[in-house]
Amino acid sequence: MLVIFGGLPGSGKTTISRALATRLGAVHVRVDTIEQAIRSSGDPSHDIGPAGYVVGYGVAEDNLTLGSVVIADSVNPLEITRDAWLAVAARSAVTAIEVEVICSDKIEHRRRAEARKTDVEGLVKPTWQQIVEHVYEDWGQRPIVVDTAAKNVQEIVDALIVRLGN
């Protein structure tokens, strides 16, 4: 199974995806970590474009073909990136589940975004203004939507486990 997370920075997707990966014993593929590793390997001012996502697709596919459950953790802002994750699942002949993480309380979302520390060396977190202005296409009816303003991590993971059939 490939569980594809998406959501604006600071919404809680890494917290939820890590907790779910731990609970399922799954592989956690985090695009932020991959992108920062790419930046650290060369000119940090160079725009890495889609490279982090493309690497993430490959790492996810390798692990899916080994029979692992994979949790993909990225902003996943565009339909093209979401479709690419779905293509990874299709090539690997596994079920894909899409999960959009939101924080409906904008004051809380801003507080989290401004207060959080980076856990990836060298990664600069976006400002609130950058988050608000981030290009983020509507998912339509595709995903399971979880609201981190409404429930705590354990409640969200418990509900996801039920939805995933585990």
C-alpha atoms as a PDB file:
ATOM      1  CA  MET A   1       0.000   0.000   0.000  1.00  0.00           C
ATOM      2  CA  LEU A   2       1.121   3.559  -0.756  1.00  0.00           C
ATOM      3  CA  VAL A   3      -0.347   6.233   1.511  1.00  0.00           C
ATOM      4  CA  ILE A   4       0.118   9.588  -0.193  1.00  0.00           C
ATOM      5  CA  PHE A   5       0.052  12.584   2.136  1.00  0.00           C
ATOM      6  CA  GLY A   6      -0.228  16.210   1.118  1.00  0.00           C
ATOM      7  CA  GLY A   7      -0.980  19.531   2.736  1.00  0.00           C
ATOM      8  CA  LEU A   8       0.413  22.982   3.240  1.00  0.00           C
ATOM      9  CA  PRO A   9       3.550  23.408   5.351  1.00  0.00           C
ATOM     10  CA  GLY A  10       2.708  23.547   9.048  1.00  0.00           C
ATOM     11  CA  SER A  11      -0.589  21.683   8.678  1.00  0.00           C
ATOM     12  CA  GLY A  12       0.743  18.642  10.564  1.00  0.00           C
ATOM     13  CA  LYS A  13       1.338  16.185   7.721  1.00  0.00           C
ATOM     14  CA  THR A  14       4.829  15.099   8.814  1.00  0.00           C
ATOM     15  CA  THR A  15       3.665  14.589  12.395  1.00  0.00           C
ATOM     16  CA  ILE A  16       0.703  12.491  11.217  1.00  0.00           C
ATOM     17  CA  SER A  17       2.606  10.601   8.505  1.00  0.00           C
ATOM     18  CA  ARG A  18       5.442   9.691  10.894  1.00  0.00           C
ATOM     19  CA  ALA A  19       2.991   8.479  13.534  1.00  0.00           C
ATOM     20  CA  LEU A  20       1.157   6.395  10.931  1.00  0.00           C
ATOM     21  CA  ALA A  21       4.430   4.975   9.569  1.00  0.00           C
ATOM     22  CA  THR A  22       5.486   4.012  13.080  1.00  0.00           C
ATOM     23  CA  ARG A  23       2.146   2.373  13.783  1.00  0.00           C
ATOM     24  CA  LEU A  24       2.198   0.401  10.516  1.00  0.00           C
ATOM     25  CA  GLY A  25       5.918  -0.359  10.510  1.00  0.00           C
ATOM     26  CA  ALA A  26       5.985   1.417   7.141  1.00  0.00           C
ATOM     27  CA  VAL A  27       8.710   3.180   5.203  1.00  0.00           C
ATOM     28  CA  HIS A  28       8.424   6.973   5.556  1.00  0.00           C
ATOM     29  CA  VAL A  29       9.524   8.847   2.400  1.00  0.00           C
ATOM     30  CA  ARG A  30       9.766  12.574   3.144  1.00  0.00           C
ATOM     31  CA  VAL A  31      10.358  14.870   0.189  1.00  0.00           C
ATOM     32  CA  ASP A  32      11.649  17.714   2.445  1.00  0.00           C
ATOM     33  CA  THR A  33      14.519  15.466   3.568  1.00  0.00           C
ATOM     34  CA  ILE A  34      15.308  14.413   0.004  1.00  0.00           C
ATOM     35  CA  GLU A  35      15.214  17.989  -1.297  1.00  0.00           C
ATOM     36  CA  GLN A  36      17.517  19.227   1.457  1.00  0.00           C
ATOM     37  CA  ALA A  37      19.972  16.401   0.772  1.00  0.00           C
ATOM     38  CA  ILE A  38      20.030  17.426  -2.895  1.00  0.00           C
ATOM     39  CA  ARG A  39      20.609  21.074  -1.940  1.00  0.00           C
ATOM     40  CA  SER A  40      23.404  20.061   0.436  1.00  0.00           C
ATOM     41  CA  SER A  41      25.153  18.069  -2.282  1.00  0.00           C
ATOM     42  CA  GLY A  42      25.636  21.062  -4.588  1.00  0.00           C
ATOM     43  CA  ASP A  43      24.957  24.754  -5.008  1.00  0.00           C
ATOM     44  CA  PRO A  44      22.338  25.616  -2.338  1.00  0.00           C
ATOM     45  CA  SER A  45      21.083  28.578  -4.376  1.00  0.00           C
ATOM     46  CA  HIS A  46      20.303  26.313  -7.345  1.00  0.00           C
ATOM     47  CA  ASP A  47      16.591  25.561  -7.810  1.00  0.00           C
ATOM     48  CA  ILE A  48      16.264  21.800  -7.611  1.00  0.00           C
ATOM     49  CA  GLY A  49      12.897  21.818  -9.374  1.00  0.00           C
ATOM     50  CA  PRO A  50      11.073  18.477  -9.331  1.00  0.00           C
ATOM     51  CA  ALA A  51      14.180  16.441  -8.391  1.00  0.00           C
ATOM     52  CA  GLY A  52      13.083  15.779  -4.795  1.00  0.00           C
ATOM     53  CA  TYR A  53       9.733  14.411  -5.906  1.00  0.00           C
ATOM     54  CA  VAL A  54      11.289  12.310  -8.668  1.00  0.00           C
ATOM     55  CA  VAL A  55      13.751  10.774  -6.192  1.00  0.00           C
ATOM     56  CA  GLY A  56      10.871  10.196  -3.754  1.00  0.00           C
ATOM     57  CA  TYR A  57       8.884   8.348  -6.424  1.00  0.00           C
ATOM     58  CA  GLY A  58      11.861   6.074  -7.075  1.00  0.00           C
ATOM     59  CA  VAL A  59      12.544   5.341  -3.401  1.00  0.00           C
ATOM     60  CA  ALA A  60       8.850   4.651  -2.807  1.00  0.00           C
ATOM     61  CA  GLU A  61       8.613   2.322  -5.796  1.00  0.00           C
ATOM     62  CA  ASP A  62      11.716   0.375  -4.727  1.00  0.00           C
ATOM     63  CA  ASN A  63      10.209  -0.200  -1.287  1.00  0.00           C
ATOM     64  CA  LEU A  64       6.730  -1.025  -2.590  1.00  0.00           C
ATOM     65  CA  THR A  65       8.151  -3.715  -4.876  1.00  0.00           C
ATOM     66  CA  LEU A  66       9.817  -5.221  -1.799  1.00  0.00           C
ATOM     67  CA  GLY A  67       6.387  -5.533  -0.194  1.00  0.00           C
ATOM     68  CA  SER A  68       6.693  -2.629   2.215  1.00  0.00           C
ATOM     69  CA  VAL A  69       3.925  -0.205   3.049  1.00  0.00           C
ATOM     70  CA  VAL A  70       5.156   3.270   2.080  1.00  0.00           C
ATOM     71  CA  ILE A  71       4.028   6.585   3.518  1.00  0.00           C
ATOM     72  CA  ALA A  72       4.797   9.463   1.118  1.00  0.00           C
ATOM     73  CA  ASP A  73       5.109  12.811   2.910  1.00  0.00           C
ATOM     74  CA  SER A  74       5.184  15.982   0.814  1.00  0.00           C
ATOM     75  CA  VAL A  75       3.264  19.204   0.252  1.00  0.00           C
ATOM     76  CA  ASN A  76       2.037  17.528  -2.942  1.00  0.00           C
ATOM     77  CA  PRO A  77       0.514  20.798  -4.166  1.00  0.00           C
ATOM     78  CA  LEU A  78      -0.196  19.971  -7.792  1.00  0.00           C
ATOM     79  CA  GLU A  79      -2.386  17.476  -9.563  1.00  0.00           C
ATOM     80  CA  ILE A  80       0.666  16.384 -11.584  1.00  0.00           C
ATOM     81  CA  THR A  81       2.567  15.375  -8.414  1.00  0.00           C
ATOM     82  CA  ARG A  82      -0.479  13.573  -7.035  1.00  0.00           C
ATOM     83  CA  ASP A  83      -0.952  11.710 -10.315  1.00  0.00           C
ATOM     84  CA  ALA A  84       2.738  10.759 -10.307  1.00  0.00           C
ATOM     85  CA  TRP A  85       2.378   9.190  -6.839  1.00  0.00           C
ATOM     86  CA  LEU A  86      -0.678   7.284  -8.102  1.00  0.00           C
ATOM     87  CA  ALA A  87       1.377   6.064 -11.067  1.00  0.00           C
ATOM     88  CA  VAL A  88       4.018   4.730  -8.645  1.00  0.00           C
ATOM     89  CA  ALA A  89       1.319   2.686  -6.912  1.00  0.00           C
ATOM     90  CA  ALA A  90      -0.073   1.445 -10.236  1.00  0.00           C
ATOM     91  CA  ARG A  91       3.372   0.345 -11.476  1.00  0.00           C
ATOM     92  CA  SER A  92       3.927  -1.422  -8.157  1.00  0.00           C
ATOM     93  CA  ALA A  93       0.476  -3.043  -8.269  1.00  0.00           C
ATOM     94  CA  VAL A  94      -0.481  -1.740  -4.815  1.00  0.00           C
ATOM     95  CA  THR A  95      -3.401   0.202  -3.420  1.00  0.00           C
ATOM     96  CA  ALA A  96      -2.969   3.971  -3.203  1.00  0.00           C
ATOM     97  CA  ILE A  97      -4.692   6.017  -0.518  1.00  0.00           C
ATOM     98  CA  GLU A  98      -4.534   9.818  -0.661  1.00  0.00           C
ATOM     99  CA  VAL A  99      -4.662  11.839   2.552  1.00  0.00           C
ATOM    100  CA  GLU A 100      -4.870  15.619   2.619  1.00  0.00           C
ATOM    101  CA  VAL A 101      -3.896  17.190   5.941  1.00  0.00           C
ATOM    102  CA  ILE A 102      -5.422  20.561   6.744  1.00  0.00           C
ATOM    103  CA  CYS A 103      -5.530  22.850   9.756  1.00  0.00           C
ATOM    104  CA  SER A 104      -8.875  24.638   9.541  1.00  0.00           C
ATOM    105  CA  ASP A 105      -7.944  26.994  12.389  1.00  0.00           C
ATOM    106  CA  LYS A 106      -5.825  29.577  10.538  1.00  0.00           C
ATOM    107  CA  ILE A 107      -4.603  31.177  13.777  1.00  0.00           C
ATOM    108  CA  GLU A 108      -3.359  27.805  15.019  1.00  0.00           C
ATOM    109  CA  HIS A 109      -1.884  26.959  11.612  1.00  0.00           C
ATOM    110  CA  ARG A 110       0.062  30.226  11.627  1.00  0.00           C
ATOM    111  CA  ARG A 111       1.234  29.665  15.216  1.00  0.00           C
ATOM    112  CA  ARG A 112       2.540  26.208  14.304  1.00  0.00           C
ATOM    113  CA  ALA A 113       4.211  27.430  11.129  1.00  0.00           C
ATOM    114  CA  GLU A 114       5.992  30.251  12.923  1.00  0.00           C
ATOM    115  CA  ALA A 115       6.965  28.265  16.038  1.00  0.00           C
ATOM    116  CA  ARG A 116       8.172  25.000  14.553  1.00  0.00           C
ATOM    117  CA  LYS A 117      11.820  24.110  14.425  1.00  0.00           C
ATOM    118  CA  THR A 118      13.440  22.290  11.555  1.00  0.00           C
ATOM    119  CA  ASP A 119      14.390  18.659  12.103  1.00  0.00           C
ATOM    120  CA  VAL A 120      16.335  18.463   8.837  1.00  0.00           C
ATOM    121  CA  GLU A 121      19.753  20.081   9.062  1.00  0.00           C
ATOM    122  CA  GLY A 122      19.950  23.111   6.800  1.00  0.00           C
ATOM    123  CA  LEU A 123      16.272  23.107   5.852  1.00  0.00           C
ATOM    124  CA  VAL A 124      14.751  26.580   5.996  1.00  0.00           C
ATOM    125  CA  LYS A 125      11.052  26.443   6.774  1.00  0.00           C
ATOM    126  CA  PRO A 126       8.753  28.728   4.783  1.00  0.00           C
ATOM    127  CA  THR A 127       7.363  31.875   6.364  1.00  0.00           C
ATOM    128  CA  TRP A 128       3.642  32.225   7.001  1.00  0.00           C
ATOM    129  CA  GLN A 129       3.415  34.597   4.037  1.00  0.00           C
ATOM    130  CA  GLN A 130       5.066  31.983   1.785  1.00  0.00           C
ATOM    131  CA  ILE A 131       2.637  29.346   3.050  1.00  0.00           C
ATOM    132  CA  VAL A 132      -0.375  31.570   2.381  1.00  0.00           C
ATOM    133  CA  GLU A 133       0.892  32.344  -1.124  1.00  0.00           C
ATOM    134  CA  HIS A 134       1.900  28.746  -1.934  1.00  0.00           C
ATOM    135  CA  VAL A 135       0.414  27.372  -5.148  1.00  0.00           C
ATOM    136  CA  TYR A 136      -1.862  24.594  -3.953  1.00  0.00           C
ATOM    137  CA  GLU A 137      -4.398  23.056  -6.302  1.00  0.00           C
ATOM    138  CA  ASP A 138      -7.701  21.715  -4.987  1.00  0.00           C
ATOM    139  CA  TRP A 139      -7.804  17.945  -4.535  1.00  0.00           C
ATOM    140  CA  GLY A 140     -11.483  17.652  -5.400  1.00  0.00           C
ATOM    141  CA  GLN A 141     -13.180  14.573  -3.944  1.00  0.00           C
ATOM    142  CA  ARG A 142     -10.126  12.293  -4.139  1.00  0.00           C
ATOM    143  CA  PRO A 143      -8.544  12.293  -0.710  1.00  0.00           C
ATOM    144  CA  ILE A 144      -9.342  11.412   2.846  1.00  0.00           C
ATOM    145  CA  VAL A 145      -9.204  14.811   4.577  1.00  0.00           C
ATOM    146  CA  VAL A 146      -7.934  15.053   8.138  1.00  0.00           C
ATOM    147  CA  ASP A 147      -8.131  18.269  10.121  1.00  0.00           C
ATOM    148  CA  THR A 148      -5.388  18.666  12.708  1.00  0.00           C
ATOM    149  CA  ALA A 149      -7.282  21.543  14.332  1.00  0.00           C
ATOM    150  CA  ALA A 150     -10.153  19.207  15.199  1.00  0.00           C
ATOM    151  CA  LYS A 151      -8.360  16.098  16.545  1.00  0.00           C
ATOM    152  CA  ASN A 152      -5.069  15.101  18.081  1.00  0.00           C
ATOM    153  CA  VAL A 153      -2.431  12.912  16.401  1.00  0.00           C
ATOM    154  CA  GLN A 154      -3.555   9.679  18.072  1.00  0.00           C
ATOM    155  CA  GLU A 155      -7.201  10.220  17.110  1.00  0.00           C
ATOM    156  CA  ILE A 156      -6.248  10.967  13.510  1.00  0.00           C
ATOM    157  CA  VAL A 157      -3.968   7.934  13.224  1.00  0.00           C
ATOM    158  CA  ASP A 158      -6.599   5.678  14.813  1.00  0.00           C
ATOM    159  CA  ALA A 159      -9.181   6.911  12.289  1.00  0.00           C
ATOM    160  CA  LEU A 160      -6.743   6.446   9.385  1.00  0.00           C
ATOM    161  CA  ILE A 161      -5.959   2.892  10.486  1.00  0.00           C
ATOM    162  CA  VAL A 162      -9.678   2.092  10.319  1.00  0.00           C
ATOM    163  CA  ARG A 163      -9.989   3.735   6.858  1.00  0.00           C
ATOM    164  CA  LEU A 164      -6.932   1.828   5.602  1.00  0.00           C
ATOM    165  CA  GLY A 165      -8.375  -1.456   6.802  1.00  0.00           C
ATOM    166  CA  ASN A 166      -5.475  -2.235   9.155  1.00  0.00           C
END
